[in-house]
Amino acid sequence: MNTELRLTVPVARVLAALVADPAGDHYGMELMQSSGLPSGTLYPILARLTGAGWLDKRWEDIDPSTAGRPARAYYRLTPVALPVARQRLAELHEQTRPGPAHAAGKEATA
């Protein structure tokens, strides 16, 4: 697994959606809704995460003509990636929250 994956805001949104239900199988439309990302942003991220070893991908075993829709690809964080994803998201949260200097500046202008 490549742990040096660049954690952009869209990647963090996808990881946060996956970490929220780590045992669940997630498909594209669900991840688009939970991350707020369009398909043109989501699917390249899913491909990068899968290629880097962060996600397992499996295809739904259905007959599309019987189901009336195409088979879905399901994604799940790998057991190795889950703690790394949680740690990276926690670090990002810590880096982006307002610090004491920001709070002091607010008090000075209030």
N, C-alpha and C. Protein backbone atom coordinates (compact mmCIF):
# COMPACT_ATOMS: atom_id res chain seq x y z
N MET A 1 0.84 -1.18 0.00
CA MET A 1 0.00 0.00 0.00
C MET A 1 0.89 1.24 0.00
N ASN A 2 0.56 2.18 -0.85
CA ASN A 2 1.30 3.44 -0.94
C ASN A 2 0.74 4.42 0.10
N THR A 3 1.48 4.64 1.17
CA THR A 3 1.01 5.55 2.23
C THR A 3 1.33 7.00 1.92
N GLU A 4 2.05 7.25 0.84
CA GLU A 4 2.43 8.62 0.47
C GLU A 4 1.39 9.28 -0.43
N LEU A 5 0.21 8.76 -0.46
CA LEU A 5 -0.87 9.29 -1.29
C LEU A 5 -1.13 10.75 -0.93
N ARG A 6 -1.22 11.61 -1.94
CA ARG A 6 -1.49 13.03 -1.70
C ARG A 6 -2.93 13.19 -1.23
N LEU A 7 -3.10 13.79 -0.08
CA LEU A 7 -4.42 13.92 0.53
C LEU A 7 -5.01 15.30 0.21
N THR A 8 -5.66 15.39 -0.94
CA THR A 8 -6.35 16.62 -1.32
C THR A 8 -7.71 16.66 -0.62
N VAL A 9 -8.37 17.79 -0.70
CA VAL A 9 -9.69 17.90 -0.08
C VAL A 9 -10.66 16.88 -0.68
N PRO A 10 -10.74 16.72 -2.01
CA PRO A 10 -11.64 15.69 -2.54
C PRO A 10 -11.29 14.28 -2.08
N VAL A 11 -10.01 13.95 -2.02
CA VAL A 11 -9.59 12.62 -1.54
C VAL A 11 -10.00 12.46 -0.08
N ALA A 12 -9.82 13.50 0.71
CA ALA A 12 -10.21 13.44 2.13
C ALA A 12 -11.72 13.24 2.26
N ARG A 13 -12.51 13.84 1.39
CA ARG A 13 -13.96 13.67 1.45
C ARG A 13 -14.36 12.22 1.14
N VAL A 14 -13.68 11.62 0.16
CA VAL A 14 -13.96 10.22 -0.18
C VAL A 14 -13.54 9.32 0.98
N LEU A 15 -12.34 9.54 1.52
CA LEU A 15 -11.89 8.73 2.64
C LEU A 15 -12.81 8.87 3.84
N ALA A 16 -13.26 10.08 4.12
CA ALA A 16 -14.17 10.30 5.25
C ALA A 16 -15.47 9.51 5.05
N ALA A 17 -15.99 9.47 3.84
CA ALA A 17 -17.21 8.71 3.56
C ALA A 17 -16.96 7.21 3.77
N LEU A 18 -15.79 6.73 3.37
CA LEU A 18 -15.47 5.31 3.53
C LEU A 18 -15.20 4.96 4.99
N VAL A 19 -14.53 5.83 5.71
CA VAL A 19 -14.20 5.59 7.12
C VAL A 19 -15.46 5.63 7.98
N ALA A 20 -16.46 6.40 7.57
CA ALA A 20 -17.70 6.49 8.34
C ALA A 20 -18.41 5.14 8.45
N ASP A 21 -18.20 4.27 7.47
CA ASP A 21 -18.78 2.92 7.50
C ASP A 21 -17.75 1.96 6.92
N PRO A 22 -16.71 1.66 7.69
CA PRO A 22 -15.59 0.88 7.15
C PRO A 22 -15.93 -0.55 6.77
N ALA A 23 -16.97 -1.12 7.35
CA ALA A 23 -17.34 -2.50 7.03
C ALA A 23 -18.29 -2.57 5.84
N GLY A 24 -18.81 -1.43 5.42
CA GLY A 24 -19.79 -1.41 4.34
C GLY A 24 -19.16 -1.46 2.96
N ASP A 25 -19.92 -1.95 2.02
CA ASP A 25 -19.54 -1.90 0.61
C ASP A 25 -20.18 -0.65 0.03
N HIS A 26 -19.37 0.18 -0.60
CA HIS A 26 -19.84 1.47 -1.10
C HIS A 26 -19.75 1.50 -2.61
N TYR A 27 -20.80 2.01 -3.27
CA TYR A 27 -20.77 2.13 -4.71
C TYR A 27 -20.79 3.61 -5.10
N GLY A 28 -20.54 3.86 -6.37
CA GLY A 28 -20.33 5.22 -6.86
C GLY A 28 -21.38 6.23 -6.49
N MET A 29 -22.64 5.96 -6.78
CA MET A 29 -23.69 6.95 -6.51
C MET A 29 -23.77 7.27 -5.02
N GLU A 30 -23.64 6.27 -4.19
CA GLU A 30 -23.66 6.49 -2.73
C GLU A 30 -22.49 7.38 -2.33
N LEU A 31 -21.30 7.11 -2.86
CA LEU A 31 -20.13 7.92 -2.52
C LEU A 31 -20.23 9.33 -3.08
N MET A 32 -20.85 9.48 -4.23
CA MET A 32 -21.07 10.83 -4.77
C MET A 32 -21.95 11.63 -3.82
N GLN A 33 -23.00 11.00 -3.30
CA GLN A 33 -23.91 11.69 -2.39
C GLN A 33 -23.23 12.00 -1.06
N SER A 34 -22.51 11.03 -0.50
CA SER A 34 -21.92 11.26 0.82
C SER A 34 -20.71 12.18 0.78
N SER A 35 -19.99 12.21 -0.34
CA SER A 35 -18.82 13.09 -0.43
C SER A 35 -19.14 14.43 -1.06
N GLY A 36 -20.27 14.51 -1.76
CA GLY A 36 -20.63 15.75 -2.44
C GLY A 36 -19.83 15.98 -3.72
N LEU A 37 -19.19 14.94 -4.23
CA LEU A 37 -18.35 15.08 -5.42
C LEU A 37 -19.06 14.58 -6.66
N PRO A 38 -18.82 15.21 -7.81
CA PRO A 38 -19.39 14.71 -9.05
C PRO A 38 -18.63 13.47 -9.52
N SER A 39 -19.26 12.71 -10.41
CA SER A 39 -18.65 11.46 -10.88
C SER A 39 -17.29 11.68 -11.54
N GLY A 40 -17.13 12.78 -12.25
CA GLY A 40 -15.87 13.07 -12.92
C GLY A 40 -14.71 13.31 -11.97
N THR A 41 -15.01 13.62 -10.73
CA THR A 41 -13.99 13.77 -9.70
C THR A 41 -13.86 12.49 -8.89
N LEU A 42 -14.99 11.88 -8.58
CA LEU A 42 -14.99 10.69 -7.71
C LEU A 42 -14.28 9.50 -8.34
N TYR A 43 -14.64 9.15 -9.57
CA TYR A 43 -14.11 7.90 -10.14
C TYR A 43 -12.59 7.91 -10.35
N PRO A 44 -11.98 9.03 -10.75
CA PRO A 44 -10.51 9.03 -10.79
C PRO A 44 -9.88 8.85 -9.40
N ILE A 45 -10.53 9.40 -8.37
CA ILE A 45 -10.02 9.21 -7.00
C ILE A 45 -10.13 7.75 -6.60
N LEU A 46 -11.27 7.13 -6.89
CA LEU A 46 -11.44 5.71 -6.57
C LEU A 46 -10.39 4.87 -7.30
N ALA A 47 -10.11 5.20 -8.55
CA ALA A 47 -9.09 4.47 -9.32
C ALA A 47 -7.71 4.66 -8.68
N ARG A 48 -7.38 5.88 -8.26
CA ARG A 48 -6.09 6.14 -7.60
C ARG A 48 -5.98 5.38 -6.29
N LEU A 49 -7.03 5.42 -5.48
CA LEU A 49 -7.01 4.73 -4.19
C LEU A 49 -6.91 3.22 -4.38
N THR A 50 -7.60 2.69 -5.38
CA THR A 50 -7.53 1.26 -5.66
C THR A 50 -6.13 0.89 -6.14
N GLY A 51 -5.58 1.66 -7.06
CA GLY A 51 -4.24 1.41 -7.58
C GLY A 51 -3.16 1.51 -6.51
N ALA A 52 -3.37 2.38 -5.53
CA ALA A 52 -2.40 2.56 -4.45
C ALA A 52 -2.56 1.52 -3.35
N GLY A 53 -3.57 0.63 -3.48
CA GLY A 53 -3.77 -0.42 -2.50
C GLY A 53 -4.60 -0.02 -1.29
N TRP A 54 -5.26 1.13 -1.36
CA TRP A 54 -6.09 1.58 -0.25
C TRP A 54 -7.47 0.96 -0.28
N LEU A 55 -7.96 0.61 -1.47
CA LEU A 55 -9.31 0.09 -1.62
C LEU A 55 -9.31 -1.29 -2.26
N ASP A 56 -10.26 -2.09 -1.82
CA ASP A 56 -10.61 -3.32 -2.53
C ASP A 56 -11.82 -2.97 -3.39
N LYS A 57 -11.83 -3.49 -4.61
CA LYS A 57 -12.94 -3.26 -5.52
C LYS A 57 -13.47 -4.61 -5.97
N ARG A 58 -14.79 -4.75 -5.92
CA ARG A 58 -15.40 -5.98 -6.42
C ARG A 58 -16.67 -5.61 -7.17
N TRP A 59 -17.00 -6.45 -8.14
CA TRP A 59 -18.21 -6.22 -8.92
C TRP A 59 -19.36 -7.02 -8.34
N GLU A 60 -20.50 -6.40 -8.32
CA GLU A 60 -21.73 -7.04 -7.89
C GLU A 60 -22.04 -8.21 -8.83
N ASP A 61 -22.46 -9.31 -8.25
CA ASP A 61 -22.78 -10.50 -9.04
C ASP A 61 -24.29 -10.54 -9.29
N ILE A 62 -24.71 -9.83 -10.34
CA ILE A 62 -26.13 -9.80 -10.70
C ILE A 62 -26.27 -10.00 -12.20
N ASP A 63 -27.47 -10.32 -12.61
CA ASP A 63 -27.81 -10.34 -14.03
C ASP A 63 -28.42 -8.98 -14.35
N PRO A 64 -27.71 -8.14 -15.10
CA PRO A 64 -28.21 -6.78 -15.36
C PRO A 64 -29.59 -6.75 -16.00
N SER A 65 -29.92 -7.71 -16.85
CA SER A 65 -31.24 -7.68 -17.49
C SER A 65 -32.34 -8.00 -16.48
N THR A 66 -32.06 -8.87 -15.52
CA THR A 66 -33.04 -9.19 -14.48
C THR A 66 -33.17 -8.03 -13.48
N ALA A 67 -32.03 -7.46 -13.11
CA ALA A 67 -32.02 -6.37 -12.13
C ALA A 67 -32.51 -5.06 -12.73
N GLY A 68 -32.44 -4.93 -14.04
CA GLY A 68 -32.87 -3.69 -14.69
C GLY A 68 -31.87 -2.57 -14.56
N ARG A 69 -30.62 -2.91 -14.26
CA ARG A 69 -29.56 -1.91 -14.14
C ARG A 69 -28.23 -2.62 -14.29
N PRO A 70 -27.19 -1.85 -14.59
CA PRO A 70 -25.86 -2.47 -14.68
C PRO A 70 -25.36 -2.93 -13.31
N ALA A 71 -24.44 -3.87 -13.31
CA ALA A 71 -23.80 -4.29 -12.06
C ALA A 71 -23.02 -3.12 -11.48
N ARG A 72 -22.98 -3.06 -10.17
CA ARG A 72 -22.24 -1.99 -9.48
C ARG A 72 -20.85 -2.48 -9.08
N ALA A 73 -19.92 -1.56 -9.08
CA ALA A 73 -18.60 -1.83 -8.49
C ALA A 73 -18.69 -1.36 -7.04
N TYR A 74 -18.29 -2.22 -6.12
CA TYR A 74 -18.29 -1.87 -4.70
C TYR A 74 -16.87 -1.66 -4.21
N TYR A 75 -16.71 -0.66 -3.36
CA TYR A 75 -15.41 -0.29 -2.82
C TYR A 75 -15.43 -0.40 -1.31
N ARG A 76 -14.28 -0.80 -0.76
CA ARG A 76 -14.12 -0.88 0.69
C ARG A 76 -12.65 -0.62 1.01
N LEU A 77 -12.40 0.14 2.08
CA LEU A 77 -11.02 0.34 2.54
C LEU A 77 -10.43 -1.01 2.93
N THR A 78 -9.17 -1.23 2.57
CA THR A 78 -8.51 -2.46 2.98
C THR A 78 -8.25 -2.39 4.48
N PRO A 79 -8.09 -3.54 5.13
CA PRO A 79 -7.81 -3.53 6.58
C PRO A 79 -6.53 -2.75 6.92
N VAL A 80 -5.56 -2.78 6.05
CA VAL A 80 -4.31 -2.04 6.29
C VAL A 80 -4.52 -0.54 6.11
N ALA A 81 -5.37 -0.15 5.17
CA ALA A 81 -5.59 1.26 4.87
C ALA A 81 -6.46 1.97 5.89
N LEU A 82 -7.35 1.24 6.54
CA LEU A 82 -8.30 1.87 7.47
C LEU A 82 -7.61 2.69 8.56
N PRO A 83 -6.66 2.14 9.32
CA PRO A 83 -6.03 2.97 10.35
C PRO A 83 -5.20 4.11 9.76
N VAL A 84 -4.61 3.90 8.59
CA VAL A 84 -3.83 4.96 7.94
C VAL A 84 -4.77 6.09 7.52
N ALA A 85 -5.91 5.73 6.95
CA ALA A 85 -6.89 6.74 6.52
C ALA A 85 -7.38 7.54 7.72
N ARG A 86 -7.68 6.86 8.81
CA ARG A 86 -8.13 7.55 10.02
C ARG A 86 -7.06 8.52 10.53
N GLN A 87 -5.81 8.07 10.53
CA GLN A 87 -4.71 8.91 11.00
C GLN A 87 -4.52 10.12 10.10
N ARG A 88 -4.52 9.90 8.78
CA ARG A 88 -4.33 11.00 7.83
C ARG A 88 -5.46 12.02 7.93
N LEU A 89 -6.69 11.55 8.11
CA LEU A 89 -7.82 12.47 8.27
C LEU A 89 -7.71 13.26 9.57
N ALA A 90 -7.28 12.60 10.63
CA ALA A 90 -7.09 13.29 11.92
C ALA A 90 -6.00 14.36 11.80
N GLU A 91 -4.92 14.03 11.11
CA GLU A 91 -3.84 15.00 10.90
C GLU A 91 -4.33 16.19 10.09
N LEU A 92 -5.11 15.93 9.05
CA LEU A 92 -5.65 17.01 8.22
C LEU A 92 -6.58 17.89 9.05
N HIS A 93 -7.40 17.28 9.86
CA HIS A 93 -8.30 18.04 10.72
C HIS A 93 -7.51 18.94 11.67
N GLU A 94 -6.46 18.37 12.24
CA GLU A 94 -5.62 19.14 13.17
C GLU A 94 -4.93 20.31 12.46
N GLN A 95 -4.49 20.09 11.25
CA GLN A 95 -3.78 21.13 10.49
C GLN A 95 -4.72 22.25 10.04
N THR A 96 -5.99 21.94 9.87
CA THR A 96 -6.91 22.93 9.31
C THR A 96 -7.79 23.62 10.34
N ARG A 97 -7.73 23.18 11.57
CA ARG A 97 -8.56 23.86 12.57
C ARG A 97 -7.86 25.13 13.03
N PRO A 98 -8.63 26.14 13.39
CA PRO A 98 -8.03 27.39 13.84
C PRO A 98 -7.18 27.18 15.08
N GLY A 99 -6.03 27.78 15.08
CA GLY A 99 -5.11 27.66 16.21
C GLY A 99 -5.21 28.86 17.14
N PRO A 100 -4.36 28.90 18.16
CA PRO A 100 -4.39 30.01 19.13
C PRO A 100 -4.15 31.37 18.49
N ALA A 101 -3.28 31.44 17.48
CA ALA A 101 -3.01 32.73 16.83
C ALA A 101 -4.26 33.23 16.12
N HIS A 102 -5.00 32.32 15.51
CA HIS A 102 -6.22 32.70 14.81
C HIS A 102 -7.26 33.19 15.84
N ALA A 103 -7.39 32.48 16.93
CA ALA A 103 -8.36 32.84 17.97
C ALA A 103 -8.00 34.20 18.58
N ALA A 104 -6.70 34.43 18.81
CA ALA A 104 -6.26 35.70 19.39
C ALA A 104 -6.58 36.85 18.46
N GLY A 105 -6.42 36.62 17.16
CA GLY A 105 -6.73 37.65 16.17
C GLY A 105 -8.20 37.98 16.16
N LYS A 106 -9.03 36.99 16.38
CA LYS A 106 -10.48 37.23 16.42
C LYS A 106 -10.85 38.09 17.63
N GLU A 107 -10.21 37.80 18.78
CA GLU A 107 -10.52 38.56 19.98
C GLU A 107 -10.10 40.01 19.83
N ALA A 108 -8.98 40.23 19.14
CA ALA A 108 -8.47 41.58 18.98
C ALA A 108 -9.40 42.43 18.12
N THR A 109 -10.09 41.79 17.16
CA THR A 109 -10.96 42.55 16.28
C THR A 109 -12.39 42.61 16.79
N ALA A 110 -12.72 41.84 17.82
CA ALA A 110 -14.10 41.79 18.31
C ALA A 110 -14.46 42.99 19.14
